[in-house]
Amino acid sequence: MVVLVLGILGVIVWSVDRRGDDDSAPEIVVDEPGVEHVHGLGMNPADGSLYVATHTGTFRIPDNGLAQRIGDSFQDTMGFTVVGADTFLGSGHPDVAGVRAGQPGLLGLIESEDAGTTWTNLSLSGEVDFHALAYAHRRVYGWDSTSGRFMVSEDRVDWDERSTLDLLGFAVDPDDPDHLVAATQSGTSTSIDGGRTWSEPTTPAITTVAWSPGGDLWGIELDGTVHRSADGGARWTAIGKLPGEPQVLLANDDALWAAAHGTSQRTGIYRSDDGGATWQLRYEDPA
């Protein structure tokens, strides 16, 4: 996002309702955009619910499938990862209220300890816009979209800048902190030294990846084709098809979750209980 403030203001629809005489103050009403574009998915161990980080705020989707906005923020949370019970890390851009309160256009690394209701800055405020974040092996891994830097931190304050590359997303091997797989415009690329160097991209042209705690690596192509790799990305097997263009993927041991822009022209949240072979729509915003 080059023009930060214009980009932020363009997200939210404002209407002014004047009541009384000309001296009355305008009432500003913000239309609820809902889950319109998803940047991150995470399962909160505190309540077992799926949390969805979007272009216009964070939502909770419990078992009944009804999306609930968290707090009153419309913050554009780009990078997003769950660290523990009610504890999330994120990045992105402030909403209109945040801009007016003096928040910088680039939020750096931010943290919520109340399941996304409020956020505080930890580091890199005004400097970095993490479009991809992962927490594994007691480390935070992040990719800064403004500079292409791949960075790692052990204390969430000081960062080791390890490489510069263009990527769409990445995943960290749950068994090896130095083994990473990135989705790029040309296919998947692998690092075995913690993101310092990367292999040449290989097919298939996967655009989003996720590693399950059990060790399987999952990826989805732009057309929705779902792939599984049991050897860390060296070989991929086509499993099924997500009904839409993928936005983000989450892999748990018991299920896969994905956000996709479907044929209805709305973003849907899908779940697969059979390793990506079939997908069930769990949530879709009303028209």
C-alpha atoms as a PDB file:
ATOM      1  CA  MET A   1       0.000   0.000   0.000  1.00  0.00           C
ATOM      2  CA  VAL A   2       1.860   3.075  -1.259  1.00  0.00           C
ATOM      3  CA  VAL A   3      -0.523   5.841  -0.278  1.00  0.00           C
ATOM      4  CA  LEU A   4      -1.148   4.721   3.257  1.00  0.00           C
ATOM      5  CA  VAL A   5      -3.744   7.181   4.505  1.00  0.00           C
ATOM      6  CA  LEU A   6      -5.733   7.200   1.275  1.00  0.00           C
ATOM      7  CA  GLY A   7      -5.664   3.435   1.211  1.00  0.00           C
ATOM      8  CA  ILE A   8      -6.949   3.250   4.744  1.00  0.00           C
ATOM      9  CA  LEU A   9      -9.669   5.829   4.300  1.00  0.00           C
ATOM     10  CA  GLY A  10     -10.807   4.142   1.123  1.00  0.00           C
ATOM     11  CA  VAL A  11     -11.611   0.968   3.010  1.00  0.00           C
ATOM     12  CA  ILE A  12     -14.315   2.414   5.215  1.00  0.00           C
ATOM     13  CA  VAL A  13     -17.598   3.890   4.032  1.00  0.00           C
ATOM     14  CA  TRP A  14     -18.514   7.039   5.926  1.00  0.00           C
ATOM     15  CA  SER A  15     -21.830   8.826   5.992  1.00  0.00           C
ATOM     16  CA  VAL A  16     -22.664  12.075   7.756  1.00  0.00           C
ATOM     17  CA  ASP A  17     -26.064  12.456   9.359  1.00  0.00           C
ATOM     18  CA  ARG A  18     -26.877  16.031  10.451  1.00  0.00           C
ATOM     19  CA  ARG A  19     -29.698  16.417  12.910  1.00  0.00           C
ATOM     20  CA  GLY A  20     -31.144  19.663  14.218  1.00  0.00           C
ATOM     21  CA  ASP A  21     -29.909  23.070  13.094  1.00  0.00           C
ATOM     22  CA  ASP A  22     -26.735  23.967  11.222  1.00  0.00           C
ATOM     23  CA  ASP A  23     -24.783  24.200  14.493  1.00  0.00           C
ATOM     24  CA  SER A  24     -25.357  20.551  15.370  1.00  0.00           C
ATOM     25  CA  ALA A  25     -22.370  18.210  15.196  1.00  0.00           C
ATOM     26  CA  PRO A  26     -22.404  15.565  12.467  1.00  0.00           C
ATOM     27  CA  GLU A  27     -22.873  11.964  13.489  1.00  0.00           C
ATOM     28  CA  ILE A  28     -20.345   9.713  11.751  1.00  0.00           C
ATOM     29  CA  VAL A  29     -21.607   6.250  10.925  1.00  0.00           C
ATOM     30  CA  VAL A  30     -19.258   3.462   9.837  1.00  0.00           C
ATOM     31  CA  ASP A  31     -20.824   0.757   7.686  1.00  0.00           C
ATOM     32  CA  GLU A  32     -19.899  -2.802   8.729  1.00  0.00           C
ATOM     33  CA  PRO A  33     -17.809  -4.271   5.880  1.00  0.00           C
ATOM     34  CA  GLY A  34     -17.623  -7.756   7.417  1.00  0.00           C
ATOM     35  CA  VAL A  35     -15.092 -10.413   6.469  1.00  0.00           C
ATOM     36  CA  GLU A  36     -14.360  -8.995   3.038  1.00  0.00           C
ATOM     37  CA  HIS A  37     -10.681  -9.855   2.584  1.00  0.00           C
ATOM     38  CA  VAL A  38      -8.682 -12.161   4.862  1.00  0.00           C
ATOM     39  CA  HIS A  39      -5.003 -11.772   5.682  1.00  0.00           C
ATOM     40  CA  GLY A  40      -4.653 -14.362   8.454  1.00  0.00           C
ATOM     41  CA  LEU A  41      -6.312 -17.273  10.230  1.00  0.00           C
ATOM     42  CA  GLY A  42      -5.543 -18.673  13.659  1.00  0.00           C
ATOM     43  CA  MET A  43      -7.057 -20.999  16.248  1.00  0.00           C
ATOM     44  CA  ASN A  44      -7.192 -19.495  19.740  1.00  0.00           C
ATOM     45  CA  PRO A  45      -6.435 -22.211  22.320  1.00  0.00           C
ATOM     46  CA  ALA A  46      -8.312 -20.214  24.954  1.00  0.00           C
ATOM     47  CA  ASP A  47     -11.723 -20.920  23.429  1.00  0.00           C
ATOM     48  CA  GLY A  48     -11.083 -23.191  20.443  1.00  0.00           C
ATOM     49  CA  SER A  49     -12.530 -20.614  18.040  1.00  0.00           C
ATOM     50  CA  LEU A  50     -11.209 -19.559  14.672  1.00  0.00           C
ATOM     51  CA  TYR A  51      -9.959 -15.969  14.559  1.00  0.00           C
ATOM     52  CA  VAL A  52      -9.841 -14.109  11.261  1.00  0.00           C
ATOM     53  CA  ALA A  53      -7.612 -11.087  10.603  1.00  0.00           C
ATOM     54  CA  THR A  54      -8.955  -8.982   7.749  1.00  0.00           C
ATOM     55  CA  HIS A  55      -8.535  -5.756   5.825  1.00  0.00           C
ATOM     56  CA  THR A  56     -11.077  -4.147   8.161  1.00  0.00           C
ATOM     57  CA  GLY A  57     -10.595  -5.660  11.607  1.00  0.00           C
ATOM     58  CA  THR A  58     -10.447  -8.981  13.426  1.00  0.00           C
ATOM     59  CA  PHE A  59     -13.327 -11.436  13.746  1.00  0.00           C
ATOM     60  CA  ARG A  60     -14.103 -14.535  15.796  1.00  0.00           C
ATOM     61  CA  ILE A  61     -16.011 -17.397  14.173  1.00  0.00           C
ATOM     62  CA  PRO A  62     -17.280 -19.829  16.822  1.00  0.00           C
ATOM     63  CA  ASP A  63     -18.848 -23.218  16.135  1.00  0.00           C
ATOM     64  CA  ASN A  64     -22.187 -21.665  15.223  1.00  0.00           C
ATOM     65  CA  GLY A  65     -20.497 -20.032  12.249  1.00  0.00           C
ATOM     66  CA  LEU A  66     -21.582 -16.452  13.001  1.00  0.00           C
ATOM     67  CA  ALA A  67     -18.771 -13.915  12.631  1.00  0.00           C
ATOM     68  CA  GLN A  68     -18.286 -11.616  15.625  1.00  0.00           C
ATOM     69  CA  ARG A  69     -16.176  -8.458  15.315  1.00  0.00           C
ATOM     70  CA  ILE A  70     -13.511  -8.237  18.018  1.00  0.00           C
ATOM     71  CA  GLY A  71     -13.459  -4.844  19.683  1.00  0.00           C
ATOM     72  CA  ASP A  72     -14.342  -1.675  17.773  1.00  0.00           C
ATOM     73  CA  SER A  73     -11.238  -1.408  15.579  1.00  0.00           C
ATOM     74  CA  PHE A  74     -11.241  -1.517  11.782  1.00  0.00           C
ATOM     75  CA  GLN A  75      -7.457  -1.937  11.757  1.00  0.00           C
ATOM     76  CA  ASP A  76      -5.990  -3.491   8.603  1.00  0.00           C
ATOM     77  CA  THR A  77      -4.181  -6.438  10.188  1.00  0.00           C
ATOM     78  CA  MET A  78      -1.894  -7.792   7.477  1.00  0.00           C
ATOM     79  CA  GLY A  79       0.482 -10.272   9.130  1.00  0.00           C
ATOM     80  CA  PHE A  80      -1.218 -12.339  11.843  1.00  0.00           C
ATOM     81  CA  THR A  81      -0.290 -15.322  13.995  1.00  0.00           C
ATOM     82  CA  VAL A  82      -1.543 -16.866  17.242  1.00  0.00           C
ATOM     83  CA  VAL A  83       1.147 -17.212  19.909  1.00  0.00           C
ATOM     84  CA  GLY A  84      -0.895 -18.670  22.761  1.00  0.00           C
ATOM     85  CA  ALA A  85      -4.174 -18.387  24.641  1.00  0.00           C
ATOM     86  CA  ASP A  86      -5.703 -14.986  23.750  1.00  0.00           C
ATOM     87  CA  THR A  87      -2.254 -13.822  22.593  1.00  0.00           C
ATOM     88  CA  PHE A  88      -1.787 -12.754  18.973  1.00  0.00           C
ATOM     89  CA  LEU A  89       0.921 -11.014  16.975  1.00  0.00           C
ATOM     90  CA  GLY A  90       0.178  -8.850  13.981  1.00  0.00           C
ATOM     91  CA  SER A  91       1.199  -6.005  11.714  1.00  0.00           C
ATOM     92  CA  GLY A  92      -0.420  -3.758   9.126  1.00  0.00           C
ATOM     93  CA  HIS A  93      -2.041  -0.329   9.107  1.00  0.00           C
ATOM     94  CA  PRO A  94      -4.259   1.662  11.477  1.00  0.00           C
ATOM     95  CA  ASP A  95      -7.901   2.482  10.822  1.00  0.00           C
ATOM     96  CA  VAL A  96      -9.201   6.048  10.617  1.00  0.00           C
ATOM     97  CA  ALA A  97      -9.433   6.329  14.399  1.00  0.00           C
ATOM     98  CA  GLY A  98      -5.853   5.112  14.712  1.00  0.00           C
ATOM     99  CA  VAL A  99      -4.606   7.660  12.190  1.00  0.00           C
ATOM    100  CA  ARG A 100      -6.383  10.432  14.082  1.00  0.00           C
ATOM    101  CA  ALA A 101      -4.811   9.179  17.308  1.00  0.00           C
ATOM    102  CA  GLY A 102      -1.359   9.557  15.774  1.00  0.00           C
ATOM    103  CA  GLN A 103      -0.536   5.936  14.892  1.00  0.00           C
ATOM    104  CA  PRO A 104       1.994   5.596  12.051  1.00  0.00           C
ATOM    105  CA  GLY A 105       0.943   4.179   8.693  1.00  0.00           C
ATOM    106  CA  LEU A 106       3.160   1.134   9.281  1.00  0.00           C
ATOM    107  CA  LEU A 107       2.381  -0.538  12.595  1.00  0.00           C
ATOM    108  CA  GLY A 108       5.511  -2.705  12.838  1.00  0.00           C
ATOM    109  CA  LEU A 109       5.101  -5.709  15.150  1.00  0.00           C
ATOM    110  CA  ILE A 110       2.038  -5.406  17.378  1.00  0.00           C
ATOM    111  CA  GLU A 111       0.669  -7.698  20.089  1.00  0.00           C
ATOM    112  CA  SER A 112      -2.742  -8.389  21.585  1.00  0.00           C
ATOM    113  CA  GLU A 113      -3.122 -10.161  24.919  1.00  0.00           C
ATOM    114  CA  ASP A 114      -6.921  -9.976  24.937  1.00  0.00           C
ATOM    115  CA  ALA A 115      -7.750 -11.962  21.794  1.00  0.00           C
ATOM    116  CA  GLY A 116      -7.560  -9.022  19.408  1.00  0.00           C
ATOM    117  CA  THR A 117      -9.622  -6.503  21.369  1.00  0.00           C
ATOM    118  CA  THR A 118      -6.673  -4.127  21.840  1.00  0.00           C
ATOM    119  CA  TRP A 119      -3.166  -4.000  20.374  1.00  0.00           C
ATOM    120  CA  THR A 120       0.148  -2.552  21.550  1.00  0.00           C
ATOM    121  CA  ASN A 121       3.358  -1.957  19.650  1.00  0.00           C
ATOM    122  CA  LEU A 122       6.376  -4.145  20.371  1.00  0.00           C
ATOM    123  CA  SER A 123       8.901  -3.010  17.755  1.00  0.00           C
ATOM    124  CA  LEU A 124       9.528  -1.451  14.322  1.00  0.00           C
ATOM    125  CA  SER A 125       6.652   1.034  14.589  1.00  0.00           C
ATOM    126  CA  GLY A 126       6.586   3.279  11.537  1.00  0.00           C
ATOM    127  CA  GLU A 127       9.227   1.147   9.822  1.00  0.00           C
ATOM    128  CA  VAL A 128       7.841  -2.244   8.824  1.00  0.00           C
ATOM    129  CA  ASP A 129       4.676  -3.728   7.342  1.00  0.00           C
ATOM    130  CA  PHE A 130       4.796  -7.488   7.884  1.00  0.00           C
ATOM    131  CA  HIS A 131       2.547  -9.113   5.286  1.00  0.00           C
ATOM    132  CA  ALA A 132       3.534 -12.564   6.552  1.00  0.00           C
ATOM    133  CA  LEU A 133       4.215 -13.621  10.147  1.00  0.00           C
ATOM    134  CA  ALA A 134       4.820 -16.957  11.843  1.00  0.00           C
ATOM    135  CA  TYR A 135       5.547 -17.955  15.418  1.00  0.00           C
ATOM    136  CA  ALA A 136       7.482 -21.195  15.893  1.00  0.00           C
ATOM    137  CA  HIS A 137      10.339 -22.500  18.051  1.00  0.00           C
ATOM    138  CA  ARG A 138       9.889 -19.473  20.366  1.00  0.00           C
ATOM    139  CA  ARG A 139      10.811 -17.181  17.487  1.00  0.00           C
ATOM    140  CA  VAL A 140       8.918 -14.723  15.335  1.00  0.00           C
ATOM    141  CA  TYR A 141       9.527 -14.937  11.587  1.00  0.00           C
ATOM    142  CA  GLY A 142       8.373 -12.053   9.418  1.00  0.00           C
ATOM    143  CA  TRP A 143       8.469 -10.737   5.870  1.00  0.00           C
ATOM    144  CA  ASP A 144       8.376  -6.962   5.384  1.00  0.00           C
ATOM    145  CA  SER A 145       6.428  -6.009   2.261  1.00  0.00           C
ATOM    146  CA  THR A 146       7.942  -2.520   2.095  1.00  0.00           C
ATOM    147  CA  SER A 147      11.526  -3.722   1.689  1.00  0.00           C
ATOM    148  CA  GLY A 148      11.291  -7.473   0.941  1.00  0.00           C
ATOM    149  CA  ARG A 149      13.358  -8.243   4.062  1.00  0.00           C
ATOM    150  CA  PHE A 150      12.948 -11.624   5.722  1.00  0.00           C
ATOM    151  CA  MET A 151      13.537 -11.138   9.443  1.00  0.00           C
ATOM    152  CA  VAL A 152      13.655 -13.236  12.623  1.00  0.00           C
ATOM    153  CA  SER A 153      13.394 -12.200  16.280  1.00  0.00           C
ATOM    154  CA  GLU A 154      13.779 -14.178  19.482  1.00  0.00           C
ATOM    155  CA  ASP A 155      12.556 -11.418  21.802  1.00  0.00           C
ATOM    156  CA  ARG A 156      10.067  -9.576  19.498  1.00  0.00           C
ATOM    157  CA  VAL A 157      12.165  -6.421  19.816  1.00  0.00           C
ATOM    158  CA  ASP A 158      15.528  -6.995  18.136  1.00  0.00           C
ATOM    159  CA  TRP A 159      15.511  -8.409  14.607  1.00  0.00           C
ATOM    160  CA  ASP A 160      17.994 -10.363  12.506  1.00  0.00           C
ATOM    161  CA  GLU A 161      17.640  -9.359   8.834  1.00  0.00           C
ATOM    162  CA  ARG A 162      18.466 -12.568   6.997  1.00  0.00           C
ATOM    163  CA  SER A 163      17.620 -12.083   3.313  1.00  0.00           C
ATOM    164  CA  THR A 164      15.682 -10.044   0.787  1.00  0.00           C
ATOM    165  CA  LEU A 165      13.187 -11.709  -1.518  1.00  0.00           C
ATOM    166  CA  ASP A 166       9.733 -11.392  -3.013  1.00  0.00           C
ATOM    167  CA  LEU A 167       7.207 -13.845  -1.596  1.00  0.00           C
ATOM    168  CA  LEU A 168       3.487 -14.392  -1.126  1.00  0.00           C
ATOM    169  CA  GLY A 169       3.699 -16.305   2.153  1.00  0.00           C
ATOM    170  CA  PHE A 170       5.841 -18.814   4.025  1.00  0.00           C
ATOM    171  CA  ALA A 171       5.666 -21.655   6.549  1.00  0.00           C
ATOM    172  CA  VAL A 172       8.109 -22.932   9.181  1.00  0.00           C
ATOM    173  CA  ASP A 173       8.817 -26.624   9.698  1.00  0.00           C
ATOM    174  CA  PRO A 174       7.459 -27.537  13.164  1.00  0.00           C
ATOM    175  CA  ASP A 175      10.433 -29.886  13.649  1.00  0.00           C
ATOM    176  CA  ASP A 176      13.240 -27.641  12.369  1.00  0.00           C
ATOM    177  CA  PRO A 177      13.540 -23.885  13.016  1.00  0.00           C
ATOM    178  CA  ASP A 178      15.874 -23.458  10.021  1.00  0.00           C
ATOM    179  CA  HIS A 179      13.661 -25.227   7.469  1.00  0.00           C
ATOM    180  CA  LEU A 180      11.218 -22.897   5.731  1.00  0.00           C
ATOM    181  CA  VAL A 181       9.139 -23.045   2.567  1.00  0.00           C
ATOM    182  CA  ALA A 182       7.966 -19.881   0.814  1.00  0.00           C
ATOM    183  CA  ALA A 183       5.291 -19.390  -1.808  1.00  0.00           C
ATOM    184  CA  THR A 184       6.483 -17.035  -4.543  1.00  0.00           C
ATOM    185  CA  GLN A 185       5.120 -15.800  -7.853  1.00  0.00           C
ATOM    186  CA  SER A 186       7.047 -18.604  -9.588  1.00  0.00           C
ATOM    187  CA  GLY A 187       6.432 -21.525  -7.214  1.00  0.00           C
ATOM    188  CA  THR A 188       7.778 -22.732  -3.870  1.00  0.00           C
ATOM    189  CA  SER A 189      11.260 -21.910  -2.588  1.00  0.00           C
ATOM    190  CA  THR A 190      13.034 -23.642   0.303  1.00  0.00           C
ATOM    191  CA  SER A 191      15.482 -22.440   2.938  1.00  0.00           C
ATOM    192  CA  ILE A 192      17.467 -24.764   5.193  1.00  0.00           C
ATOM    193  CA  ASP A 193      19.382 -22.031   7.009  1.00  0.00           C
ATOM    194  CA  GLY A 194      16.589 -20.087   8.654  1.00  0.00           C
ATOM    195  CA  GLY A 195      15.803 -17.843   5.711  1.00  0.00           C
ATOM    196  CA  ARG A 196      19.328 -16.642   4.960  1.00  0.00           C
ATOM    197  CA  THR A 197      19.398 -18.296   1.527  1.00  0.00           C
ATOM    198  CA  TRP A 198      16.637 -19.737  -0.663  1.00  0.00           C
ATOM    199  CA  SER A 199      16.466 -22.305  -3.434  1.00  0.00           C
ATOM    200  CA  GLU A 200      15.213 -21.523  -6.926  1.00  0.00           C
ATOM    201  CA  PRO A 201      11.387 -21.747  -7.093  1.00  0.00           C
ATOM    202  CA  THR A 202       9.909 -25.039  -8.243  1.00  0.00           C
ATOM    203  CA  THR A 203       6.480 -26.093  -9.473  1.00  0.00           C
ATOM    204  CA  PRO A 204       3.583 -26.367  -8.773  1.00  0.00           C
ATOM    205  CA  ALA A 205       2.825 -22.650  -8.664  1.00  0.00           C
ATOM    206  CA  ILE A 206       1.524 -22.633  -5.091  1.00  0.00           C
ATOM    207  CA  THR A 207       0.470 -19.236  -3.739  1.00  0.00           C
ATOM    208  CA  THR A 208      -0.254 -20.046  -0.085  1.00  0.00           C
ATOM    209  CA  VAL A 209       1.389 -22.592   2.239  1.00  0.00           C
ATOM    210  CA  ALA A 210       0.865 -23.923   5.760  1.00  0.00           C
ATOM    211  CA  TRP A 211       2.607 -26.554   7.879  1.00  0.00           C
ATOM    212  CA  SER A 212       0.520 -28.723  10.176  1.00  0.00           C
ATOM    213  CA  PRO A 213       1.909 -29.562  13.630  1.00  0.00           C
ATOM    214  CA  GLY A 214       2.027 -33.231  12.591  1.00  0.00           C
ATOM    215  CA  GLY A 215       4.535 -32.537   9.834  1.00  0.00           C
ATOM    216  CA  ASP A 216       2.542 -32.388   6.589  1.00  0.00           C
ATOM    217  CA  LEU A 217       3.035 -29.330   4.394  1.00  0.00           C
ATOM    218  CA  TRP A 218       0.044 -27.993   2.469  1.00  0.00           C
ATOM    219  CA  GLY A 219      -0.233 -25.588  -0.425  1.00  0.00           C
ATOM    220  CA  ILE A 220      -2.906 -24.193  -2.719  1.00  0.00           C
ATOM    221  CA  GLU A 221      -2.574 -22.892  -6.265  1.00  0.00           C
ATOM    222  CA  LEU A 222      -4.346 -19.793  -7.506  1.00  0.00           C
ATOM    223  CA  ASP A 223      -7.040 -21.923  -9.175  1.00  0.00           C
ATOM    224  CA  GLY A 224      -7.802 -23.635  -5.846  1.00  0.00           C
ATOM    225  CA  THR A 225      -5.931 -26.910  -6.426  1.00  0.00           C
ATOM    226  CA  VAL A 226      -4.825 -28.259  -3.036  1.00  0.00           C
ATOM    227  CA  HIS A 227      -1.481 -30.053  -2.679  1.00  0.00           C
ATOM    228  CA  ARG A 228       0.147 -32.030   0.118  1.00  0.00           C
ATOM    229  CA  SER A 229       3.834 -32.680   0.694  1.00  0.00           C
ATOM    230  CA  ALA A 230       5.124 -35.243   3.184  1.00  0.00           C
ATOM    231  CA  ASP A 231       8.793 -34.407   2.593  1.00  0.00           C
ATOM    232  CA  GLY A 232       8.962 -30.683   3.264  1.00  0.00           C
ATOM    233  CA  GLY A 233       8.128 -29.450  -0.206  1.00  0.00           C
ATOM    234  CA  ALA A 234      10.378 -31.610  -2.363  1.00  0.00           C
ATOM    235  CA  ARG A 235       7.400 -33.461  -3.880  1.00  0.00           C
ATOM    236  CA  TRP A 236       3.754 -32.430  -4.000  1.00  0.00           C
ATOM    237  CA  THR A 237       0.591 -34.484  -4.527  1.00  0.00           C
ATOM    238  CA  ALA A 238      -2.657 -32.903  -5.738  1.00  0.00           C
ATOM    239  CA  ILE A 239      -5.429 -33.787  -3.269  1.00  0.00           C
ATOM    240  CA  GLY A 240      -8.545 -31.778  -4.056  1.00  0.00           C
ATOM    241  CA  LYS A 241      -9.801 -28.339  -4.942  1.00  0.00           C
ATOM    242  CA  LEU A 242     -10.824 -25.353  -2.851  1.00  0.00           C
ATOM    243  CA  PRO A 243     -13.953 -23.703  -4.332  1.00  0.00           C
ATOM    244  CA  GLY A 244     -12.392 -20.315  -4.962  1.00  0.00           C
ATOM    245  CA  GLU A 245      -9.197 -18.287  -5.204  1.00  0.00           C
ATOM    246  CA  PRO A 246      -7.217 -18.782  -1.963  1.00  0.00           C
ATOM    247  CA  GLN A 247      -6.394 -15.886   0.317  1.00  0.00           C
ATOM    248  CA  VAL A 248      -4.849 -17.707   3.286  1.00  0.00           C
ATOM    249  CA  LEU A 249      -4.455 -21.264   4.609  1.00  0.00           C
ATOM    250  CA  LEU A 250      -4.290 -22.687   8.151  1.00  0.00           C
ATOM    251  CA  ALA A 251      -3.285 -26.290   8.875  1.00  0.00           C
ATOM    252  CA  ASN A 252      -4.117 -28.040  12.140  1.00  0.00           C
ATOM    253  CA  ASP A 253      -3.729 -31.731  12.906  1.00  0.00           C
ATOM    254  CA  ASP A 254      -7.484 -32.307  12.707  1.00  0.00           C
ATOM    255  CA  ALA A 255      -8.517 -29.917   9.932  1.00  0.00           C
ATOM    256  CA  LEU A 256      -7.515 -27.474   7.239  1.00  0.00           C
ATOM    257  CA  TRP A 257      -9.012 -23.986   7.114  1.00  0.00           C
ATOM    258  CA  ALA A 258      -8.898 -21.613   4.166  1.00  0.00           C
ATOM    259  CA  ALA A 259     -10.284 -18.257   3.155  1.00  0.00           C
ATOM    260  CA  ALA A 260     -11.159 -17.943  -0.506  1.00  0.00           C
ATOM    261  CA  HIS A 261     -12.874 -15.557  -2.882  1.00  0.00           C
ATOM    262  CA  GLY A 262     -15.519 -17.778  -4.427  1.00  0.00           C
ATOM    263  CA  THR A 263     -17.932 -17.735  -7.343  1.00  0.00           C
ATOM    264  CA  SER A 264     -20.376 -15.691  -5.256  1.00  0.00           C
ATOM    265  CA  GLN A 265     -17.839 -12.841  -5.409  1.00  0.00           C
ATOM    266  CA  ARG A 266     -17.711 -12.893  -1.613  1.00  0.00           C
ATOM    267  CA  THR A 267     -15.041 -14.196   0.723  1.00  0.00           C
ATOM    268  CA  GLY A 268     -15.854 -17.523   2.328  1.00  0.00           C
ATOM    269  CA  ILE A 269     -14.226 -19.434   5.187  1.00  0.00           C
ATOM    270  CA  TYR A 270     -13.910 -23.140   4.375  1.00  0.00           C
ATOM    271  CA  ARG A 271     -12.962 -26.210   6.400  1.00  0.00           C
ATOM    272  CA  SER A 272     -11.668 -29.591   5.240  1.00  0.00           C
ATOM    273  CA  ASP A 273     -11.738 -32.645   7.511  1.00  0.00           C
ATOM    274  CA  ASP A 274     -10.304 -35.050   4.920  1.00  0.00           C
ATOM    275  CA  GLY A 275      -6.932 -33.532   4.122  1.00  0.00           C
ATOM    276  CA  GLY A 276      -8.079 -31.091   1.480  1.00  0.00           C
ATOM    277  CA  ALA A 277     -10.063 -33.538  -0.652  1.00  0.00           C
ATOM    278  CA  THR A 278     -13.377 -31.790   0.047  1.00  0.00           C
ATOM    279  CA  TRP A 279     -14.271 -28.445   1.606  1.00  0.00           C
ATOM    280  CA  GLN A 280     -17.291 -27.230   3.532  1.00  0.00           C
ATOM    281  CA  LEU A 281     -18.305 -23.564   3.627  1.00  0.00           C
ATOM    282  CA  ARG A 282     -18.342 -22.517   7.292  1.00  0.00           C
ATOM    283  CA  TYR A 283     -18.938 -18.806   6.889  1.00  0.00           C
ATOM    284  CA  GLU A 284     -19.757 -16.311   4.154  1.00  0.00           C
ATOM    285  CA  ASP A 285     -20.800 -12.700   4.586  1.00  0.00           C
ATOM    286  CA  PRO A 286     -24.323 -11.837   3.469  1.00  0.00           C
ATOM    287  CA  ALA A 287     -24.613 -10.113   0.099  1.00  0.00           C
END
